[in-house]
C-alpha atoms as a PDB file:
ATOM      1  CA  UNK A   1       0.006   0.425   0.094  1.00  0.00           C
ATOM      2  CA  UNK A   2       0.524   3.729  -0.296  1.00  0.00           C
ATOM      3  CA  UNK A   3       0.841   5.613   2.723  1.00  0.00           C
ATOM      4  CA  UNK A   4       0.780   9.095   3.185  1.00  0.00           C
ATOM      5  CA  UNK A   5       4.082  10.109   4.389  1.00  0.00           C
ATOM      6  CA  UNK A   6       6.061  13.450   4.764  1.00  0.00           C
ATOM      7  CA  UNK A   7       7.817  14.440   1.673  1.00  0.00           C
ATOM      8  CA  UNK A   8       5.668  12.505  -0.612  1.00  0.00           C
ATOM      9  CA  UNK A   9       2.863  14.140  -2.853  1.00  0.00           C
ATOM     10  CA  UNK A  10       2.631  17.494  -2.950  1.00  0.00           C
ATOM     11  CA  UNK A  11       5.638  18.908  -1.092  1.00  0.00           C
ATOM     12  CA  UNK A  12       8.261  21.348  -1.838  1.00  0.00           C
ATOM     13  CA  UNK A  13      10.140  19.602  -4.935  1.00  0.00           C
ATOM     14  CA  UNK A  14       6.701  20.008  -6.980  1.00  0.00           C
ATOM     15  CA  UNK A  15       7.178  23.447  -6.110  1.00  0.00           C
ATOM     16  CA  UNK A  16      10.471  23.321  -6.883  1.00  0.00           C
ATOM     17  CA  UNK A  17       9.784  22.093  -9.893  1.00  0.00           C
ATOM     18  CA  UNK A  18       6.950  24.404 -10.579  1.00  0.00           C
ATOM     19  CA  UNK A  19       9.277  27.510  -9.397  1.00  0.00           C
ATOM     20  CA  UNK A  20      11.795  25.958 -12.027  1.00  0.00           C
ATOM     21  CA  UNK A  21       9.434  25.687 -14.938  1.00  0.00           C
ATOM     22  CA  UNK A  22       8.011  28.938 -14.846  1.00  0.00           C
ATOM     23  CA  UNK A  23      11.563  30.890 -14.433  1.00  0.00           C
ATOM     24  CA  UNK A  24      11.993  29.093 -17.730  1.00  0.00           C
ATOM     25  CA  UNK A  25       9.142  30.033 -19.890  1.00  0.00           C
ATOM     26  CA  UNK A  26       9.935  33.416 -18.677  1.00  0.00           C
ATOM     27  CA  UNK A  27      13.655  33.731 -19.323  1.00  0.00           C
ATOM     28  CA  UNK A  28      12.735  31.863 -23.145  1.00  0.00           C
ATOM     29  CA  UNK A  29      10.466  35.382 -22.915  1.00  0.00           C
ATOM     30  CA  UNK A  30      12.466  37.775 -21.877  1.00  0.00           C
ATOM     31  CA  UNK A  31      15.489  36.165 -24.400  1.00  0.00           C
ATOM     32  CA  UNK A  32      12.503  36.684 -27.455  1.00  0.00           C
ATOM     33  CA  UNK A  33      11.801  39.888 -26.283  1.00  0.00           C
ATOM     34  CA  UNK A  34      15.669  41.101 -26.110  1.00  0.00           C
ATOM     35  CA  UNK A  35      16.328  39.260 -29.919  1.00  0.00           C
ATOM     36  CA  UNK A  36      13.364  41.656 -30.934  1.00  0.00           C
ATOM     37  CA  UNK A  37      14.355  44.698 -29.779  1.00  0.00           C
ATOM     38  CA  UNK A  38      18.571  44.324 -31.286  1.00  0.00           C
ATOM     39  CA  UNK A  39      16.542  43.390 -34.581  1.00  0.00           C
ATOM     40  CA  UNK A  40      14.689  47.013 -34.226  1.00  0.00           C
ATOM     41  CA  UNK A  41      17.880  48.983 -33.786  1.00  0.00           C
ATOM     42  CA  UNK A  42      19.368  49.184 -36.761  1.00  0.00           C
ATOM     43  CA  UNK A  43      16.120  51.116 -38.283  1.00  0.00           C
ATOM     44  CA  UNK A  44      15.785  53.029 -34.880  1.00  0.00           C
ATOM     45  CA  UNK A  45      19.519  54.414 -34.867  1.00  0.00           C
ATOM     46  CA  UNK A  46      18.664  55.708 -38.526  1.00  0.00           C
ATOM     47  CA  UNK A  47      16.059  57.616 -36.911  1.00  0.00           C
ATOM     48  CA  UNK A  48      17.860  59.202 -34.975  1.00  0.00           C
ATOM     49  CA  UNK A  49      20.773  60.002 -37.496  1.00  0.00           C
ATOM     50  CA  UNK A  50      20.722  64.436 -37.141  1.00  0.00           C
ATOM     51  CA  UNK A  51      19.070  65.641 -40.196  1.00  0.00           C
ATOM     52  CA  UNK A  52      22.457  67.402 -40.549  1.00  0.00           C
ATOM     53  CA  UNK A  53      24.182  64.282 -40.876  1.00  0.00           C
ATOM     54  CA  UNK A  54      22.191  62.687 -43.107  1.00  0.00           C
ATOM     55  CA  UNK A  55      22.189  66.014 -45.212  1.00  0.00           C
ATOM     56  CA  UNK A  56      25.683  65.525 -45.387  1.00  0.00           C
ATOM     57  CA  UNK A  57      25.680  62.338 -46.632  1.00  0.00           C
ATOM     58  CA  UNK A  58      23.370  62.862 -49.347  1.00  0.00           C
ATOM     59  CA  UNK A  59      25.856  65.596 -50.727  1.00  0.00           C
ATOM     60  CA  UNK A  60      28.816  63.307 -50.703  1.00  0.00           C
ATOM     61  CA  UNK A  61      26.992  60.710 -52.406  1.00  0.00           C
ATOM     62  CA  UNK A  62      25.558  63.366 -55.306  1.00  0.00           C
ATOM     63  CA  UNK A  63      21.715  62.570 -54.492  1.00  0.00           C
ATOM     64  CA  UNK A  64      21.763  66.940 -53.855  1.00  0.00           C
ATOM     65  CA  UNK A  65      23.664  69.548 -55.683  1.00  0.00           C
ATOM     66  CA  UNK A  66      25.486  72.454 -53.900  1.00  0.00           C
ATOM     67  CA  UNK A  67      22.586  74.977 -54.279  1.00  0.00           C
ATOM     68  CA  UNK A  68      19.961  72.491 -52.492  1.00  0.00           C
ATOM     69  CA  UNK A  69      22.286  71.558 -49.429  1.00  0.00           C
ATOM     70  CA  UNK A  70      23.329  75.041 -48.709  1.00  0.00           C
ATOM     71  CA  UNK A  71      19.334  75.939 -49.137  1.00  0.00           C
ATOM     72  CA  UNK A  72      18.334  72.735 -47.133  1.00  0.00           C
ATOM     73  CA  UNK A  73      21.432  73.538 -44.379  1.00  0.00           C
ATOM     74  CA  UNK A  74      20.285  76.828 -43.949  1.00  0.00           C
ATOM     75  CA  UNK A  75      16.834  75.745 -43.136  1.00  0.00           C
ATOM     76  CA  UNK A  76      18.045  73.229 -40.444  1.00  0.00           C
ATOM     77  CA  UNK A  77      20.492  75.262 -39.031  1.00  0.00           C
END
């Protein structure tokens, strides 16, 4: 027969097992969130780039001429 003995059944061991799986699930969730936020950093850094720096790069690539560059630079300052 199975007698009810201390330490058997729903004891501390089961609570530790539940706590362990909760921590594993939370850890996976945090890892997922960290990976998702890391992927969006590239787009966010482009948005934070100062407008004058973007303007200089456009001028250097030849997308705008000197007159356009000077006009837009005056607008930004």
